[in-house]
Amino acid sequence: MKNILLISVVFLFSCNSQKEEAPIAEKNSVEEVIPQTPYVMVLGVAQDAGYPQMNCKKECCAAAWNNPNLQKTTSCLAIVDPTTNEQWIIDATPNIKKQLQLLKSKTGTEKIDGVLLTHAHMGHYTGLMHFGREVMGTNGIPAFAMPKMTTFLQENGPWSQLVKLENISLRKLKSDSTFQLNKNIKVTPFLVPHRDEFSETVGYEVIINNKILIFIPDIDKWERWETSITELIKKVDFAFLDGTFYKNGELNRDMSEIPHPFVEESMELFSFLSDSDKQKVHFIHFNHTNPLLIEGSTAQKEVFEKGFNLAKEGQRIRF
């Protein structure tokens, strides 16, 4: 009996003496345990046009038209620091009104302290229009952007009016150059290959408590990038990655013209990662045709069975 008691005490002590908890990505969108330290929250998961997509009469969108609970907004992350009451968003989407309301429901305020822009495609910057005098009439909200994106906003209306009236204050970024959002949060933009008609395209690295999250909502095929995505996944704690299309043939057109990495391709590429590294991957930015938007679909089950995750609106990522 004494030996059993001794073993029990040793076991309890070893369980309670771990130095550090692993970072957590909360999958339950109704989770109400609010972190007391900086975290990231998912505000949207769909491709630029949202889900269902305008004028889509196909089966992929039918259920979502009939049931608002199934509808999804465009991909967006919020960075929240409850210790300073500050919050920022990555990308200003066409759904910004609904997304800031979601943010308010979780943090108590919809005000934002800045916007970090990835590129000049409709789902990633057009929400800036709500900062103008027709809507919010904001005063100097920092808008972080790369050089070409900055020039695009300065020289093209209606965005140039936001600059002229000082609704936004442009903050020019440099690729691979880390800067402080505040004393607790660091961010690094990095260039990725994508259709760059009007601006560069970047992903972002967010560093909190020495943990790293990367966000790459838009990229061309992984092999077109000089960086090894598999090696990058090993170095970070969370990877929110382009999952626009599940597989080839999803559209009735030549999909080589829109060369996003198919989720099937990504899972094959990542298949040699360890189980713990696979768990870091959260696919995001789903086109309306993507079966990963359908709860309980075969595609969803395959992603989970292979050890990967899907981003969910309202999900908090605690560092």
Protein backbone atom coordinates (compact mmCIF):
# COMPACT_ATOMS: atom_id res chain seq x y z
CA MET A 1 0.00 0.00 0.00
CA LYS A 2 2.84 2.40 0.85
CA ASN A 3 4.45 1.74 -2.54
CA ILE A 4 1.15 2.43 -4.34
CA LEU A 5 0.72 5.70 -2.45
CA LEU A 6 4.29 6.71 -3.26
CA ILE A 7 3.82 6.01 -6.97
CA SER A 8 0.58 8.03 -6.96
CA VAL A 9 2.26 11.03 -5.32
CA VAL A 10 5.15 10.94 -7.81
CA PHE A 11 2.70 10.73 -10.74
CA LEU A 12 0.65 13.67 -9.51
CA PHE A 13 3.76 15.76 -8.92
CA SER A 14 5.11 15.06 -12.41
CA CYS A 15 1.75 15.97 -14.00
CA ASN A 16 1.53 19.25 -12.12
CA SER A 17 5.11 20.35 -12.65
CA GLN A 18 5.12 20.85 -16.42
CA LYS A 19 6.82 24.13 -17.21
CA GLU A 20 4.65 25.28 -20.12
CA GLU A 21 1.33 24.53 -21.76
CA ALA A 22 1.26 23.95 -25.51
CA PRO A 23 -0.43 26.69 -27.56
CA ILE A 24 -4.10 26.00 -28.14
CA ALA A 25 -6.37 26.57 -31.12
CA GLU A 26 -9.91 26.49 -29.78
CA LYS A 27 -12.16 24.73 -32.29
CA ASN A 28 -15.44 25.47 -30.56
CA SER A 29 -16.81 28.73 -31.96
CA VAL A 30 -19.06 29.17 -28.92
CA GLU A 31 -16.19 28.87 -26.45
CA GLU A 32 -16.62 31.73 -23.97
CA VAL A 33 -13.48 31.39 -21.84
CA ILE A 34 -11.85 34.67 -22.81
CA PRO A 35 -8.02 34.63 -22.78
CA GLN A 36 -6.36 37.20 -20.54
CA THR A 37 -3.26 37.45 -22.72
CA PRO A 38 -2.94 38.37 -26.45
CA TYR A 39 -4.55 35.96 -28.91
CA VAL A 40 -5.77 35.67 -32.50
CA MET A 41 -9.39 35.13 -33.51
CA VAL A 42 -10.84 33.93 -36.82
CA LEU A 43 -13.43 36.37 -38.18
CA GLY A 44 -14.04 34.73 -41.57
CA VAL A 45 -13.09 31.63 -43.56
CA ALA A 46 -14.49 31.96 -47.10
CA GLN A 47 -12.90 33.11 -50.35
CA ASP A 48 -13.22 36.76 -51.44
CA ALA A 49 -16.92 36.59 -52.38
CA GLY A 50 -18.06 34.82 -49.21
CA TYR A 51 -20.41 31.84 -48.95
CA PRO A 52 -22.85 31.48 -50.61
CA GLN A 53 -21.50 33.38 -53.58
CA MET A 54 -23.62 35.98 -55.33
CA ASN A 55 -25.71 34.59 -58.21
CA CYS A 56 -24.68 31.00 -57.45
CA LYS A 57 -27.68 28.75 -58.07
CA LYS A 58 -25.76 25.49 -57.82
CA GLU A 59 -26.21 22.79 -55.20
CA CYS A 60 -23.04 23.93 -53.39
CA CYS A 61 -24.77 27.16 -52.33
CA ALA A 62 -28.43 26.13 -52.16
CA ALA A 63 -28.51 25.14 -48.49
CA ALA A 64 -26.64 28.28 -47.41
CA TRP A 65 -29.12 30.56 -49.24
CA ASN A 66 -31.94 28.90 -47.30
CA ASN A 67 -30.16 28.78 -43.93
CA PRO A 68 -28.26 31.90 -42.77
CA ASN A 69 -26.54 29.83 -40.09
CA LEU A 70 -24.57 28.08 -42.83
CA GLN A 71 -23.30 31.28 -44.42
CA LYS A 72 -19.62 32.24 -44.06
CA THR A 73 -17.78 35.54 -44.35
CA THR A 74 -14.53 36.28 -46.18
CA SER A 75 -11.24 35.20 -44.63
CA CYS A 76 -10.04 37.53 -41.89
CA LEU A 77 -8.13 37.29 -38.62
CA ALA A 78 -8.22 39.60 -35.62
CA ILE A 79 -5.26 40.12 -33.31
CA VAL A 80 -6.48 40.96 -29.82
CA ASP A 81 -4.56 42.19 -26.78
CA PRO A 82 -6.88 42.25 -23.74
CA THR A 83 -4.08 43.61 -21.56
CA THR A 84 -4.05 46.90 -23.51
CA ASN A 85 -7.60 46.83 -24.94
CA GLU A 86 -6.19 46.92 -28.48
CA GLN A 87 -7.24 44.91 -31.52
CA TRP A 88 -6.24 44.78 -35.16
CA ILE A 89 -7.56 42.93 -38.21
CA ILE A 90 -5.66 41.27 -41.04
CA ASP A 91 -7.47 42.34 -44.23
CA ALA A 92 -10.54 44.54 -44.60
CA THR A 93 -13.10 42.31 -46.29
CA PRO A 94 -16.46 43.06 -47.94
CA ASN A 95 -18.00 41.55 -44.78
CA ILE A 96 -16.23 43.89 -42.37
CA LYS A 97 -19.49 45.14 -40.86
CA LYS A 98 -20.55 41.66 -39.75
CA GLN A 99 -17.02 40.73 -38.72
CA LEU A 100 -16.54 43.72 -36.45
CA GLN A 101 -19.87 42.87 -34.85
CA LEU A 102 -18.59 39.33 -34.22
CA LEU A 103 -15.45 40.83 -32.73
CA LYS A 104 -17.55 43.06 -30.47
CA SER A 105 -19.60 40.08 -29.29
CA LYS A 106 -16.39 38.39 -28.12
CA THR A 107 -14.33 41.33 -26.83
CA GLY A 108 -16.89 44.01 -25.97
CA THR A 109 -15.84 46.52 -28.64
CA GLU A 110 -15.79 46.67 -32.44
CA LYS A 111 -13.19 49.46 -32.56
CA ILE A 112 -9.93 48.53 -34.24
CA ASP A 113 -6.45 49.95 -33.83
CA GLY A 114 -5.23 49.10 -37.31
CA VAL A 115 -5.59 46.99 -40.45
CA LEU A 116 -2.87 44.83 -41.96
CA LEU A 117 -3.47 44.34 -45.70
CA THR A 118 -2.28 41.33 -47.70
CA HIS A 119 -3.03 42.46 -51.28
CA ALA A 120 -5.39 44.26 -53.65
CA HIS A 121 -7.94 41.57 -54.49
CA MET A 122 -11.55 42.36 -53.67
CA GLY A 123 -11.89 40.17 -50.60
CA HIS A 124 -8.87 41.65 -48.86
CA TYR A 125 -9.11 45.44 -48.93
CA THR A 126 -12.52 46.68 -50.17
CA GLY A 127 -13.88 46.81 -46.62
CA LEU A 128 -11.78 49.95 -46.20
CA MET A 129 -14.70 51.83 -47.79
CA HIS A 130 -16.56 51.60 -44.46
CA PHE A 131 -13.92 53.84 -42.87
CA GLY A 132 -14.97 56.75 -45.11
CA ARG A 133 -17.25 59.66 -44.25
CA GLU A 134 -20.28 57.86 -45.69
CA VAL A 135 -20.07 55.28 -42.87
CA MET A 136 -17.67 55.37 -39.89
CA GLY A 137 -15.73 58.52 -40.71
CA THR A 138 -12.69 57.21 -38.88
CA ASN A 139 -9.74 59.33 -37.84
CA GLY A 140 -6.32 58.06 -38.92
CA ILE A 141 -6.75 54.32 -38.51
CA PRO A 142 -3.33 52.80 -39.34
CA ALA A 143 -3.45 50.80 -42.59
CA PHE A 144 -0.31 48.69 -42.93
CA ALA A 145 0.57 47.90 -46.55
CA MET A 146 3.47 47.01 -48.82
CA PRO A 147 4.89 49.71 -51.18
CA LYS A 148 2.84 48.86 -54.30
CA MET A 149 -0.30 48.44 -52.22
CA THR A 150 0.37 51.81 -50.59
CA THR A 151 0.72 53.49 -53.98
CA PHE A 152 -2.44 51.80 -55.24
CA LEU A 153 -4.45 53.21 -52.34
CA GLN A 154 -2.93 56.67 -52.73
CA GLU A 155 -3.54 56.95 -56.47
CA ASN A 156 -6.91 55.26 -57.01
CA GLY A 157 -10.35 56.36 -55.87
CA PRO A 158 -12.28 55.91 -53.71
CA TRP A 159 -9.34 54.76 -51.57
CA SER A 160 -7.38 57.94 -52.26
CA GLN A 161 -10.15 59.91 -50.56
CA LEU A 162 -9.65 57.87 -47.40
CA VAL A 163 -6.01 58.97 -47.47
CA LYS A 164 -6.79 62.60 -48.33
CA LEU A 165 -9.41 62.94 -45.58
CA GLU A 166 -7.12 61.07 -43.16
CA ASN A 167 -9.69 58.37 -42.45
CA ILE A 168 -6.73 56.01 -42.73
CA SER A 169 -3.04 56.58 -42.07
CA LEU A 170 -0.88 54.53 -44.43
CA ARG A 171 2.05 52.70 -42.82
CA LYS A 172 4.44 51.32 -45.43
CA LEU A 173 5.77 47.82 -44.76
CA LYS A 174 8.94 46.08 -45.87
CA SER A 175 9.02 42.37 -46.63
CA ASP A 176 10.72 40.21 -43.99
CA SER A 177 11.05 43.21 -41.68
CA THR A 178 9.58 42.65 -38.22
CA PHE A 179 7.75 45.46 -36.44
CA GLN A 180 5.93 45.84 -33.12
CA LEU A 181 2.16 46.27 -33.08
CA ASN A 182 2.60 46.93 -29.38
CA LYS A 183 4.93 45.76 -26.62
CA ASN A 184 3.40 42.27 -26.65
CA ILE A 185 2.90 41.55 -30.36
CA LYS A 186 5.32 41.45 -33.29
CA VAL A 187 4.41 41.05 -36.95
CA THR A 188 6.44 40.22 -40.06
CA PRO A 189 5.08 40.44 -43.63
CA PHE A 190 6.60 38.12 -46.25
CA LEU A 191 6.09 38.05 -50.02
CA VAL A 192 4.32 35.11 -51.65
CA PRO A 193 3.69 34.39 -55.37
CA HIS A 194 0.17 35.29 -56.51
CA ARG A 195 -1.65 37.25 -59.22
CA ASP A 196 -0.28 40.73 -58.57
CA GLU A 197 -2.27 42.92 -60.96
CA PHE A 198 -2.40 45.90 -58.58
CA SER A 199 -0.10 45.12 -55.67
CA GLU A 200 2.27 42.65 -54.11
CA THR A 201 0.85 39.76 -52.08
CA VAL A 202 2.07 38.97 -48.58
CA GLY A 203 1.41 36.55 -45.81
CA TYR A 204 1.93 37.51 -42.17
CA GLU A 205 3.84 36.05 -39.27
CA VAL A 206 2.36 36.98 -35.88
CA ILE A 207 4.56 36.48 -32.82
CA ILE A 208 3.04 36.42 -29.32
CA ASN A 209 4.73 34.99 -26.22
CA ASN A 210 7.50 33.64 -28.47
CA LYS A 211 4.90 31.54 -30.33
CA ILE A 212 4.43 32.02 -34.07
CA LEU A 213 1.32 31.98 -36.26
CA ILE A 214 1.51 32.34 -40.05
CA PHE A 215 -1.43 33.46 -42.21
CA ILE A 216 -1.32 32.80 -45.96
CA PRO A 217 -4.86 33.13 -47.35
CA ASP A 218 -3.76 33.49 -50.98
CA ILE A 219 -0.81 31.90 -52.78
CA ASP A 220 -0.04 30.13 -56.04
CA LYS A 221 1.17 26.52 -56.02
CA TRP A 222 3.58 25.81 -53.16
CA GLU A 223 6.36 24.88 -55.60
CA ARG A 224 6.27 28.41 -57.05
CA TRP A 225 7.40 29.81 -53.70
CA GLU A 226 11.12 29.89 -52.93
CA THR A 227 10.31 29.05 -49.29
CA SER A 228 9.67 25.43 -48.32
CA ILE A 229 6.20 25.40 -46.75
CA THR A 230 6.85 22.07 -45.03
CA GLU A 231 9.99 23.40 -43.35
CA LEU A 232 8.14 26.57 -42.38
CA ILE A 233 5.33 24.58 -40.76
CA LYS A 234 7.92 22.79 -38.60
CA LYS A 235 9.20 26.14 -37.30
CA VAL A 236 5.86 27.72 -36.36
CA ASP A 237 3.08 26.93 -33.90
CA PHE A 238 0.04 27.61 -36.13
CA ALA A 239 -0.26 27.73 -39.91
CA PHE A 240 -3.46 29.17 -41.45
CA LEU A 241 -3.05 28.27 -45.12
CA ASP A 242 -4.75 28.75 -48.47
CA GLY A 243 -7.48 26.12 -48.89
CA THR A 244 -9.41 27.86 -51.69
CA PHE A 245 -10.13 24.72 -53.70
CA TYR A 246 -10.35 21.16 -52.46
CA LYS A 247 -9.39 19.44 -55.72
CA ASN A 248 -8.93 19.86 -59.44
CA GLY A 249 -12.13 19.89 -61.50
CA GLU A 250 -14.06 21.82 -58.86
CA LEU A 251 -14.81 24.54 -61.43
CA ASN A 252 -16.03 24.21 -65.01
CA ARG A 253 -12.93 25.94 -66.34
CA ASP A 254 -9.20 25.44 -66.68
CA MET A 255 -8.10 25.63 -63.06
CA SER A 256 -4.46 26.13 -64.03
CA GLU A 257 -5.51 29.75 -64.65
CA ILE A 258 -6.14 30.13 -60.90
CA PRO A 259 -3.23 28.12 -59.48
CA HIS A 260 -4.08 27.95 -55.79
CA PRO A 261 -2.71 24.80 -54.11
CA PHE A 262 -5.56 22.30 -53.91
CA VAL A 263 -6.17 21.03 -50.39
CA GLU A 264 -5.67 17.49 -51.70
CA GLU A 265 -2.24 18.53 -53.01
CA SER A 266 -1.33 20.24 -49.74
CA MET A 267 -2.30 17.20 -47.67
CA GLU A 268 -0.17 14.98 -49.90
CA LEU A 269 2.76 17.39 -49.60
CA PHE A 270 2.33 17.55 -45.82
CA SER A 271 1.75 13.80 -45.40
CA PHE A 272 5.34 13.22 -44.25
CA LEU A 273 5.07 15.73 -41.40
CA SER A 274 4.79 14.49 -37.83
CA ASP A 275 1.33 14.28 -36.28
CA SER A 276 2.09 17.33 -34.13
CA ASP A 277 3.15 19.36 -37.18
CA LYS A 278 0.03 18.33 -39.10
CA GLN A 279 -2.09 19.61 -36.21
CA LYS A 280 -0.63 23.09 -36.75
CA VAL A 281 -2.26 23.34 -40.19
CA HIS A 282 -5.63 25.10 -40.42
CA PHE A 283 -7.00 25.45 -43.95
CA ILE A 284 -8.86 28.70 -44.67
CA HIS A 285 -10.14 30.89 -47.59
CA PHE A 286 -12.65 28.36 -49.00
CA ASN A 287 -14.27 29.00 -52.38
CA HIS A 288 -18.07 28.55 -52.47
CA THR A 289 -17.54 25.33 -54.45
CA ASN A 290 -15.28 23.81 -51.79
CA PRO A 291 -16.93 20.85 -50.00
CA LEU A 292 -14.98 21.75 -46.86
CA LEU A 293 -17.70 24.35 -46.26
CA ILE A 294 -20.26 21.55 -45.84
CA GLU A 295 -20.49 20.26 -42.27
CA GLY A 296 -19.97 16.49 -42.11
CA SER A 297 -18.90 16.22 -45.76
CA THR A 298 -16.60 13.45 -46.93
CA ALA A 299 -13.98 16.10 -47.63
CA GLN A 300 -14.14 17.43 -44.07
CA LYS A 301 -13.82 13.93 -42.66
CA GLU A 302 -10.79 13.26 -44.86
CA VAL A 303 -9.01 16.40 -43.64
CA PHE A 304 -9.62 15.50 -39.99
CA GLU A 305 -8.69 11.82 -40.48
CA LYS A 306 -5.38 12.87 -42.02
CA GLY A 307 -4.60 14.99 -38.98
CA PHE A 308 -5.26 18.52 -40.25
CA ASN A 309 -7.68 21.25 -39.14
CA LEU A 310 -10.15 23.70 -40.66
CA ALA A 311 -10.44 27.32 -39.54
CA LYS A 312 -13.80 28.21 -37.94
CA GLU A 313 -15.40 31.61 -37.49
CA GLY A 314 -15.17 32.71 -33.87
CA GLN A 315 -12.26 30.36 -33.17
CA ARG A 316 -9.67 31.75 -30.74
CA ILE A 317 -6.00 30.85 -31.01
CA ARG A 318 -4.33 31.13 -27.61
CA PHE A 319 -0.55 31.42 -27.43
